[in-house]
C-alpha atoms as a PDB file:
ATOM      1  CA  MET A   1      -0.808 -20.474 -55.468  1.00  0.00           C
ATOM      2  CA  ALA A   2      -2.365 -19.298 -52.458  1.00  0.00           C
ATOM      3  CA  ALA A   3       0.937 -19.531 -50.500  1.00  0.00           C
ATOM      4  CA  ASP A   4       2.216 -16.926 -53.226  1.00  0.00           C
ATOM      5  CA  ILE A   5      -0.581 -14.565 -53.225  1.00  0.00           C
ATOM      6  CA  GLU A   6      -0.202 -14.362 -49.394  1.00  0.00           C
ATOM      7  CA  ALA A   7       3.590 -13.994 -49.465  1.00  0.00           C
ATOM      8  CA  GLU A   8       2.961 -11.068 -52.338  1.00  0.00           C
ATOM      9  CA  ALA A   9       0.460  -9.641 -50.133  1.00  0.00           C
ATOM     10  CA  ARG A  10       2.951  -9.603 -47.022  1.00  0.00           C
ATOM     11  CA  ALA A  11       5.362  -8.008 -49.225  1.00  0.00           C
ATOM     12  CA  LEU A  12       3.329  -5.507 -50.575  1.00  0.00           C
ATOM     13  CA  LYS A  13       2.167  -4.555 -47.018  1.00  0.00           C
ATOM     14  CA  LEU A  14       5.755  -4.300 -45.935  1.00  0.00           C
ATOM     15  CA  VAL A  15       7.011  -1.882 -48.446  1.00  0.00           C
ATOM     16  CA  ARG A  16       3.759   0.140 -47.984  1.00  0.00           C
ATOM     17  CA  GLU A  17       4.843   0.582 -44.336  1.00  0.00           C
ATOM     18  CA  ARG A  18       8.621   0.914 -45.320  1.00  0.00           C
ATOM     19  CA  ILE A  19       7.055   4.350 -47.367  1.00  0.00           C
ATOM     20  CA  THR A  20       5.592   5.392 -44.543  1.00  0.00           C
ATOM     21  CA  LEU A  21       8.038   5.207 -41.634  1.00  0.00           C
ATOM     22  CA  CYS A  22      10.452   6.934 -44.229  1.00  0.00           C
ATOM     23  CA  ARG A  23       7.599   9.313 -44.996  1.00  0.00           C
ATOM     24  CA  ARG A  24       7.493  10.362 -41.082  1.00  0.00           C
ATOM     25  CA  ASP A  25      10.987   9.988 -40.236  1.00  0.00           C
ATOM     26  CA  ILE A  26      12.147  12.682 -43.410  1.00  0.00           C
ATOM     27  CA  ALA A  27       9.365  15.070 -42.591  1.00  0.00           C
ATOM     28  CA  LYS A  28      10.507  15.632 -38.816  1.00  0.00           C
ATOM     29  CA  MET A  29      14.174  15.566 -39.765  1.00  0.00           C
ATOM     30  CA  ILE A  30      13.135  18.273 -42.313  1.00  0.00           C
ATOM     31  CA  ALA A  31      11.162  20.014 -39.462  1.00  0.00           C
ATOM     32  CA  THR A  32      13.965  19.639 -37.156  1.00  0.00           C
ATOM     33  CA  GLY A  33      16.678  21.256 -39.289  1.00  0.00           C
ATOM     34  CA  ILE A  34      14.481  24.629 -40.282  1.00  0.00           C
ATOM     35  CA  GLU A  35      14.119  24.613 -36.420  1.00  0.00           C
ATOM     36  CA  GLU A  36      17.780  24.386 -35.802  1.00  0.00           C
ATOM     37  CA  GLY A  37      19.387  26.407 -38.859  1.00  0.00           C
ATOM     38  CA  VAL A  38      21.061  23.370 -39.927  1.00  0.00           C
ATOM     39  CA  PRO A  39      22.734  24.279 -43.343  1.00  0.00           C
ATOM     40  CA  THR A  40      21.913  22.180 -46.179  1.00  0.00           C
ATOM     41  CA  ARG A  41      24.767  23.157 -48.467  1.00  0.00           C
ATOM     42  CA  ARG A  42      28.533  22.823 -47.665  1.00  0.00           C
ATOM     43  CA  GLY A  43      31.412  23.277 -50.127  1.00  0.00           C
ATOM     44  CA  GLY A  44      29.180  24.221 -52.803  1.00  0.00           C
ATOM     45  CA  GLN A  45      27.289  20.829 -52.769  1.00  0.00           C
ATOM     46  CA  GLY A  46      23.924  19.934 -51.639  1.00  0.00           C
ATOM     47  CA  PRO A  47      20.514  21.804 -51.637  1.00  0.00           C
ATOM     48  CA  ALA A  48      20.716  25.664 -51.346  1.00  0.00           C
ATOM     49  CA  ASP A  49      18.216  25.413 -48.493  1.00  0.00           C
ATOM     50  CA  TRP A  50      15.110  22.787 -46.542  1.00  0.00           C
ATOM     51  CA  GLN A  51      12.935  24.270 -49.099  1.00  0.00           C
ATOM     52  CA  GLU A  52      14.588  22.402 -52.069  1.00  0.00           C
ATOM     53  CA  VAL A  53      14.950  19.265 -49.691  1.00  0.00           C
ATOM     54  CA  HIS A  54      11.042  19.585 -49.014  1.00  0.00           C
ATOM     55  CA  ALA A  55      10.342  20.032 -52.562  1.00  0.00           C
ATOM     56  CA  ALA A  56      12.715  17.190 -53.499  1.00  0.00           C
ATOM     57  CA  PHE A  57      10.837  15.212 -51.053  1.00  0.00           C
ATOM     58  CA  ARG A  58       7.134  16.026 -51.960  1.00  0.00           C
ATOM     59  CA  SER A  59       7.956  15.075 -55.699  1.00  0.00           C
ATOM     60  CA  ILE A  60       8.615  11.600 -54.520  1.00  0.00           C
ATOM     61  CA  VAL A  61       5.411  11.320 -52.102  1.00  0.00           C
ATOM     62  CA  ASP A  62       3.372  13.286 -54.756  1.00  0.00           C
ATOM     63  CA  GLN A  63       4.509  10.522 -57.834  1.00  0.00           C
ATOM     64  CA  ILE A  64       3.432   7.379 -55.657  1.00  0.00           C
ATOM     65  CA  PRO A  65       0.017   5.663 -57.574  1.00  0.00           C
ATOM     66  CA  ARG A  66      -3.072   5.547 -55.702  1.00  0.00           C
ATOM     67  CA  THR A  67      -3.239   1.948 -55.966  1.00  0.00           C
ATOM     68  CA  ALA A  68       0.145   0.285 -56.833  1.00  0.00           C
ATOM     69  CA  THR A  69       1.924  -2.959 -57.085  1.00  0.00           C
ATOM     70  CA  ARG A  70       4.933  -3.986 -54.599  1.00  0.00           C
ATOM     71  CA  GLN A  71       7.001  -3.653 -58.560  1.00  0.00           C
ATOM     72  CA  GLU A  72       5.919   0.104 -58.802  1.00  0.00           C
ATOM     73  CA  LEU A  73       6.284   1.006 -54.838  1.00  0.00           C
ATOM     74  CA  GLU A  74      10.026  -0.690 -54.061  1.00  0.00           C
ATOM     75  CA  PRO A  75      11.715   1.611 -56.307  1.00  0.00           C
ATOM     76  CA  VAL A  76       9.951   4.667 -54.490  1.00  0.00           C
ATOM     77  CA  ALA A  77      11.159   2.909 -51.573  1.00  0.00           C
ATOM     78  CA  GLU A  78      14.387   3.150 -52.352  1.00  0.00           C
ATOM     79  CA  GLU A  79      14.393   6.844 -53.032  1.00  0.00           C
ATOM     80  CA  LEU A  80      12.799   7.752 -49.750  1.00  0.00           C
ATOM     81  CA  SER A  81      15.828   5.475 -47.846  1.00  0.00           C
ATOM     82  CA  GLN A  82      18.064   7.276 -49.715  1.00  0.00           C
ATOM     83  CA  LEU A  83      16.577  10.702 -48.997  1.00  0.00           C
ATOM     84  CA  ALA A  84      16.316   9.628 -45.411  1.00  0.00           C
ATOM     85  CA  ASP A  85      19.994   8.927 -45.085  1.00  0.00           C
ATOM     86  CA  ASP A  86      20.908  12.219 -46.900  1.00  0.00           C
ATOM     87  CA  VAL A  87      18.978  14.380 -44.570  1.00  0.00           C
ATOM     88  CA  LEU A  88      20.296  12.277 -41.766  1.00  0.00           C
ATOM     89  CA  ASN A  89      23.792  12.971 -42.580  1.00  0.00           C
ATOM     90  CA  LEU A  90      23.086  16.507 -42.987  1.00  0.00           C
ATOM     91  CA  LEU A  91      21.966  16.583 -39.384  1.00  0.00           C
ATOM     92  CA  LYS A  92      24.482  14.569 -38.088  1.00  0.00           C
ATOM     93  CA  THR A  93      27.357  17.132 -39.314  1.00  0.00           C
ATOM     94  CA  HIS A  94      26.059  20.103 -38.145  1.00  0.00           C
ATOM     95  CA  ILE A  95      25.589  18.056 -34.704  1.00  0.00           C
ATOM     96  CA  LYS A  96      29.259  16.864 -35.038  1.00  0.00           C
ATOM     97  CA  SER A  97      30.545  20.703 -36.465  1.00  0.00           C
ATOM     98  CA  THR A  98      29.090  22.341 -33.438  1.00  0.00           C
ATOM     99  CA  ASN A  99      30.025  19.937 -31.031  1.00  0.00           C
ATOM    100  CA  PRO A 100      33.170  18.108 -32.189  1.00  0.00           C
ATOM    101  CA  SER A 101      33.675  15.768 -29.254  1.00  0.00           C
ATOM    102  CA  ALA A 102      30.006  14.418 -30.176  1.00  0.00           C
ATOM    103  CA  ASN A 103      30.170  10.586 -31.355  1.00  0.00           C
ATOM    104  CA  GLU A 104      27.779   8.767 -33.984  1.00  0.00           C
ATOM    105  CA  SER A 105      25.816   7.908 -30.715  1.00  0.00           C
ATOM    106  CA  HIS A 106      25.160  10.970 -29.353  1.00  0.00           C
ATOM    107  CA  SER A 107      24.296  12.211 -32.762  1.00  0.00           C
ATOM    108  CA  GLU A 108      21.479   9.644 -33.112  1.00  0.00           C
ATOM    109  CA  ARG A 109      20.387  10.782 -29.978  1.00  0.00           C
ATOM    110  CA  HIS A 110      19.946  14.291 -30.471  1.00  0.00           C
ATOM    111  CA  ILE A 111      18.399  13.745 -33.601  1.00  0.00           C
ATOM    112  CA  GLN A 112      15.891  11.316 -31.970  1.00  0.00           C
ATOM    113  CA  ASN A 113      15.577  13.876 -29.359  1.00  0.00           C
ATOM    114  CA  SER A 114      14.649  16.653 -31.594  1.00  0.00           C
ATOM    115  CA  ASN A 115      11.671  14.747 -33.270  1.00  0.00           C
ATOM    116  CA  THR A 116      10.367  14.173 -29.889  1.00  0.00           C
ATOM    117  CA  GLU A 117      10.777  17.778 -28.188  1.00  0.00           C
ATOM    118  CA  PRO A 118       7.738  20.070 -28.085  1.00  0.00           C
ATOM    119  CA  PHE A 119       7.664  24.076 -29.482  1.00  0.00           C
ATOM    120  CA  ILE A 120       9.137  25.800 -26.444  1.00  0.00           C
ATOM    121  CA  ASP A 121       7.075  28.739 -28.318  1.00  0.00           C
ATOM    122  CA  LEU A 122       5.340  29.428 -31.625  1.00  0.00           C
ATOM    123  CA  GLU A 123       7.082  32.216 -33.256  1.00  0.00           C
ATOM    124  CA  PRO A 124       7.100  35.005 -30.394  1.00  0.00           C
ATOM    125  CA  SER A 125       8.700  37.856 -32.583  1.00  0.00           C
ATOM    126  CA  LEU A 126       6.537  37.283 -35.138  1.00  0.00           C
ATOM    127  CA  HIS A 127       3.730  37.566 -32.710  1.00  0.00           C
ATOM    128  CA  GLU A 128       5.002  40.704 -31.188  1.00  0.00           C
ATOM    129  CA  GLY A 129       6.152  42.473 -34.570  1.00  0.00           C
ATOM    130  CA  ARG A 130       2.206  42.333 -35.610  1.00  0.00           C
ATOM    131  CA  ALA A 131       1.408  43.676 -32.175  1.00  0.00           C
ATOM    132  CA  ALA A 132       3.722  46.559 -32.558  1.00  0.00           C
ATOM    133  CA  ARG A 133       2.829  46.992 -36.193  1.00  0.00           C
ATOM    134  CA  ALA A 134      -1.290  46.314 -35.888  1.00  0.00           C
ATOM    135  CA  LYS A 135      -3.335  49.218 -37.109  1.00  0.00           C
ATOM    136  CA  PRO A 136      -6.878  49.607 -35.575  1.00  0.00           C
ATOM    137  CA  LYS A 137      -9.105  48.950 -38.769  1.00  0.00           C
ATOM    138  CA  PRO A 138     -12.138  46.517 -39.222  1.00  0.00           C
ATOM    139  CA  GLN A 139     -11.673  42.724 -39.616  1.00  0.00           C
ATOM    140  CA  PRO A 140     -13.329  40.276 -41.730  1.00  0.00           C
ATOM    141  CA  PRO A 141     -15.098  37.263 -39.283  1.00  0.00           C
ATOM    142  CA  ARG A 142     -13.005  34.980 -37.976  1.00  0.00           C
ATOM    143  CA  VAL A 143     -13.283  31.244 -38.061  1.00  0.00           C
ATOM    144  CA  ALA A 144     -13.455  30.477 -34.418  1.00  0.00           C
ATOM    145  CA  GLU A 145     -11.215  26.927 -33.267  1.00  0.00           C
ATOM    146  CA  GLY A 146     -14.379  25.133 -32.107  1.00  0.00           C
ATOM    147  CA  THR A 147     -16.493  25.498 -35.177  1.00  0.00           C
ATOM    148  CA  TYR A 148     -14.696  22.613 -37.144  1.00  0.00           C
ATOM    149  CA  PRO A 149     -12.950  19.395 -34.840  1.00  0.00           C
ATOM    150  CA  LEU A 150      -9.336  18.926 -35.028  1.00  0.00           C
ATOM    151  CA  GLY A 151      -9.697  15.221 -36.189  1.00  0.00           C
ATOM    152  CA  MET A 152     -12.011  16.574 -39.070  1.00  0.00           C
ATOM    153  CA  VAL A 153      -8.994  18.751 -40.286  1.00  0.00           C
ATOM    154  CA  LEU A 154      -6.662  16.453 -39.916  1.00  0.00           C
ATOM    155  CA  SER A 155      -8.547  13.303 -41.272  1.00  0.00           C
ATOM    156  CA  ALA A 156      -8.736  15.962 -44.583  1.00  0.00           C
ATOM    157  CA  CYS A 157      -5.406  16.812 -43.984  1.00  0.00           C
ATOM    158  CA  PRO A 158      -3.302  13.945 -42.705  1.00  0.00           C
ATOM    159  CA  ASP A 159       0.057  14.593 -43.822  1.00  0.00           C
ATOM    160  CA  ILE A 160       0.632  17.524 -41.494  1.00  0.00           C
ATOM    161  CA  VAL A 161       1.112  15.372 -38.923  1.00  0.00           C
ATOM    162  CA  ASP A 162       4.322  13.572 -40.356  1.00  0.00           C
ATOM    163  CA  TYR A 163       5.875  17.046 -39.377  1.00  0.00           C
ATOM    164  CA  ALA A 164       4.439  17.624 -36.037  1.00  0.00           C
ATOM    165  CA  LYS A 165       7.269  16.921 -33.094  1.00  0.00           C
ATOM    166  CA  GLY A 166       5.636  14.983 -30.541  1.00  0.00           C
ATOM    167  CA  GLY A 167       2.230  14.505 -32.965  1.00  0.00           C
ATOM    168  CA  ILE A 168      -0.541  16.907 -33.017  1.00  0.00           C
ATOM    169  CA  SER A 169      -3.612  16.449 -30.045  1.00  0.00           C
ATOM    170  CA  ASN A 170      -4.607  19.963 -29.632  1.00  0.00           C
ATOM    171  CA  TRP A 171      -4.777  23.093 -31.951  1.00  0.00           C
ATOM    172  CA  ARG A 172      -1.356  24.720 -30.410  1.00  0.00           C
ATOM    173  CA  ASP A 173       0.380  21.387 -31.823  1.00  0.00           C
ATOM    174  CA  LEU A 174      -1.487  22.342 -35.281  1.00  0.00           C
ATOM    175  CA  LEU A 175      -0.664  26.267 -35.007  1.00  0.00           C
ATOM    176  CA  ALA A 176       3.374  25.255 -34.141  1.00  0.00           C
ATOM    177  CA  THR A 177       3.751  22.695 -36.910  1.00  0.00           C
ATOM    178  CA  ALA A 178       1.804  25.094 -39.677  1.00  0.00           C
ATOM    179  CA  ALA A 179       4.176  27.714 -38.431  1.00  0.00           C
ATOM    180  CA  VAL A 180       7.245  25.153 -39.460  1.00  0.00           C
ATOM    181  CA  VAL A 181       5.494  23.806 -42.829  1.00  0.00           C
ATOM    182  CA  ARG A 182       5.107  27.036 -44.070  1.00  0.00           C
ATOM    183  CA  SER A 183       8.735  27.945 -44.419  1.00  0.00           C
ATOM    184  CA  MET A 184       9.147  24.499 -46.113  1.00  0.00           C
ATOM    185  CA  LEU A 185       6.342  25.652 -48.507  1.00  0.00           C
ATOM    186  CA  GLY A 186       8.160  28.655 -49.359  1.00  0.00           C
ATOM    187  CA  ILE A 187       5.209  30.664 -47.760  1.00  0.00           C
ATOM    188  CA  SER A 188       7.545  34.124 -46.720  1.00  0.00           C
ATOM    189  CA  PRO A 189       7.047  35.441 -43.316  1.00  0.00           C
ATOM    190  CA  SER A 190       5.077  38.795 -44.220  1.00  0.00           C
ATOM    191  CA  ALA A 191       2.519  36.130 -46.352  1.00  0.00           C
ATOM    192  CA  TRP A 192       2.214  34.266 -43.332  1.00  0.00           C
ATOM    193  CA  GLU A 193       1.802  36.793 -40.983  1.00  0.00           C
ATOM    194  CA  GLU A 194      -0.879  39.040 -42.811  1.00  0.00           C
ATOM    195  CA  ALA A 195      -2.773  35.583 -43.229  1.00  0.00           C
ATOM    196  CA  GLN A 196      -3.046  34.974 -39.467  1.00  0.00           C
ATOM    197  CA  THR A 197      -3.833  38.684 -38.842  1.00  0.00           C
ATOM    198  CA  VAL A 198      -6.774  38.822 -41.953  1.00  0.00           C
ATOM    199  CA  LEU A 199      -7.673  35.335 -41.575  1.00  0.00           C
ATOM    200  CA  GLY A 200      -6.842  34.539 -38.074  1.00  0.00           C
ATOM    201  CA  GLU A 201      -4.494  31.971 -36.954  1.00  0.00           C
ATOM    202  CA  MET A 202      -6.405  28.793 -36.828  1.00  0.00           C
ATOM    203  CA  PRO A 203      -8.284  28.805 -40.539  1.00  0.00           C
ATOM    204  CA  ALA A 204      -4.454  30.205 -41.760  1.00  0.00           C
ATOM    205  CA  ALA A 205      -2.937  26.636 -39.718  1.00  0.00           C
ATOM    206  CA  ILE A 206      -5.590  24.934 -41.982  1.00  0.00           C
ATOM    207  CA  VAL A 207      -5.152  26.970 -45.259  1.00  0.00           C
ATOM    208  CA  VAL A 208      -1.526  25.184 -44.974  1.00  0.00           C
ATOM    209  CA  ALA A 209      -2.371  22.356 -43.931  1.00  0.00           C
ATOM    210  CA  CYS A 210      -4.739  21.891 -46.727  1.00  0.00           C
ATOM    211  CA  ILE A 211      -2.367  22.984 -49.258  1.00  0.00           C
ATOM    212  CA  LEU A 212       0.777  20.784 -48.102  1.00  0.00           C
ATOM    213  CA  GLN A 213      -2.093  17.859 -48.601  1.00  0.00           C
ATOM    214  CA  ARG A 214      -3.241  18.913 -51.695  1.00  0.00           C
ATOM    215  CA  GLY A 215       0.970  18.788 -52.789  1.00  0.00           C
ATOM    216  CA  ALA A 216       2.187  19.754 -56.757  1.00  0.00           C
ATOM    217  CA  ALA A 217      -1.278  20.308 -57.339  1.00  0.00           C
ATOM    218  CA  ILE A 218      -0.640  24.166 -55.931  1.00  0.00           C
ATOM    219  CA  ARG A 219       2.202  25.700 -57.605  1.00  0.00           C
ATOM    220  CA  SER A 220       2.932  28.721 -55.415  1.00  0.00           C
ATOM    221  CA  ALA A 221       1.631  28.508 -51.769  1.00  0.00           C
ATOM    222  CA  GLY A 222       3.037  31.618 -51.068  1.00  0.00           C
ATOM    223  CA  GLY A 223       0.485  33.217 -53.907  1.00  0.00           C
ATOM    224  CA  TYR A 224      -2.467  30.653 -53.152  1.00  0.00           C
ATOM    225  CA  LEU A 225      -2.199  31.967 -49.210  1.00  0.00           C
ATOM    226  CA  ARG A 226      -1.850  35.574 -50.673  1.00  0.00           C
ATOM    227  CA  GLY A 227      -4.772  35.476 -53.001  1.00  0.00           C
ATOM    228  CA  LEU A 228      -7.222  34.002 -50.432  1.00  0.00           C
ATOM    229  CA  THR A 229      -6.489  36.662 -47.462  1.00  0.00           C
ATOM    230  CA  ARG A 230      -7.194  39.239 -50.147  1.00  0.00           C
ATOM    231  CA  LYS A 231     -10.458  37.746 -50.611  1.00  0.00           C
ATOM    232  CA  ALA A 232     -10.736  37.607 -46.925  1.00  0.00           C
ATOM    233  CA  GLU A 233     -10.435  41.376 -46.698  1.00  0.00           C
ATOM    234  CA  ALA A 234     -13.255  41.952 -49.628  1.00  0.00           C
ATOM    235  CA  GLY A 235     -15.182  39.379 -47.277  1.00  0.00           C
ATOM    236  CA  GLU A 236     -15.066  36.702 -49.922  1.00  0.00           C
ATOM    237  CA  PHE A 237     -13.227  34.296 -48.151  1.00  0.00           C
ATOM    238  CA  SER A 238     -15.027  31.267 -46.450  1.00  0.00           C
ATOM    239  CA  LEU A 239     -12.879  28.245 -44.827  1.00  0.00           C
ATOM    240  CA  GLY A 240     -16.017  25.268 -45.152  1.00  0.00           C
ATOM    241  CA  PRO A 241     -15.468  25.212 -49.055  1.00  0.00           C
ATOM    242  CA  ILE A 242     -12.131  24.525 -48.995  1.00  0.00           C
ATOM    243  CA  LEU A 243     -12.151  22.183 -45.929  1.00  0.00           C
ATOM    244  CA  MET A 244     -15.013  19.990 -47.714  1.00  0.00           C
ATOM    245  CA  SER A 245     -13.167  20.110 -51.047  1.00  0.00           C
ATOM    246  CA  GLN A 246      -9.958  18.735 -49.675  1.00  0.00           C
ATOM    247  CA  ILE A 247     -12.449  15.837 -47.429  1.00  0.00           C
ATOM    248  CA  ASN A 248     -14.613  15.286 -50.626  1.00  0.00           C
ATOM    249  CA  SER A 249     -10.814  14.694 -52.504  1.00  0.00           C
ATOM    250  CA  ARG A 250      -9.680  12.442 -49.429  1.00  0.00           C
ATOM    251  CA  LEU A 251     -12.799  10.190 -49.641  1.00  0.00           C
ATOM    252  CA  ASN A 252     -12.731  10.061 -53.418  1.00  0.00           C
ATOM    253  CA  GLU A 253      -8.815   8.560 -53.241  1.00  0.00           C
ATOM    254  CA  LYS A 254     -10.195   5.819 -50.330  1.00  0.00           C
ATOM    255  CA  ARG A 255     -12.623   5.039 -53.035  1.00  0.00           C
ATOM    256  CA  ARG A 256     -10.884   4.598 -56.185  1.00  0.00           C
ATOM    257  CA  ALA A 257      -7.698   2.859 -53.556  1.00  0.00           C
END
């Protein structure tokens, strides 16, 4: 009986690790697809865009129970594995179409390298456009990046780390990753630019991390961010309650687990 219990615990651990690896791989591949402008629909088949791919990914992740048995987790692991294969095939097909001489091993290396290369710049055209259109007007006080430790933010919103090509070790990494994630969440460039201008770049990035972490609880990420931007313009925005609410939610999840 003791051997059976130990074997079941080991099997549960393995399926959890499989889910974790699949989640990280899929998140990074989606980020790569967006960064490189990889088409998702070919011949009238497949998802319309990367937002649709990401929505499918999050719908699987959001159904994972907080406390689950191996029997409950195995179908989830299979779904994620299939999605990972589908996304990988999208990237491979794109690489082969842009470089017909590329073989499969070259495709694999290209995708792996894409997952580890750092961002070169953080939406330079977005910054230039903001500078050109900026009008002098009083802005609400912004939250300085040192107000909350980066480790505290990542502890509250760990899912955003999955989308970082080389991990998140500083504030610039968080900003770069949030710029990619906002597109996956369906937040328009105008809503993102406005939020960065009014809230400040760092608070806007932290809010995006919180939106991602809350998953299906927020139906319209773009609408939610615009709502917070309106509050900030009225001097009613405070990052603290949003971040603390997410921290408390994570603590409660751990207690229940």
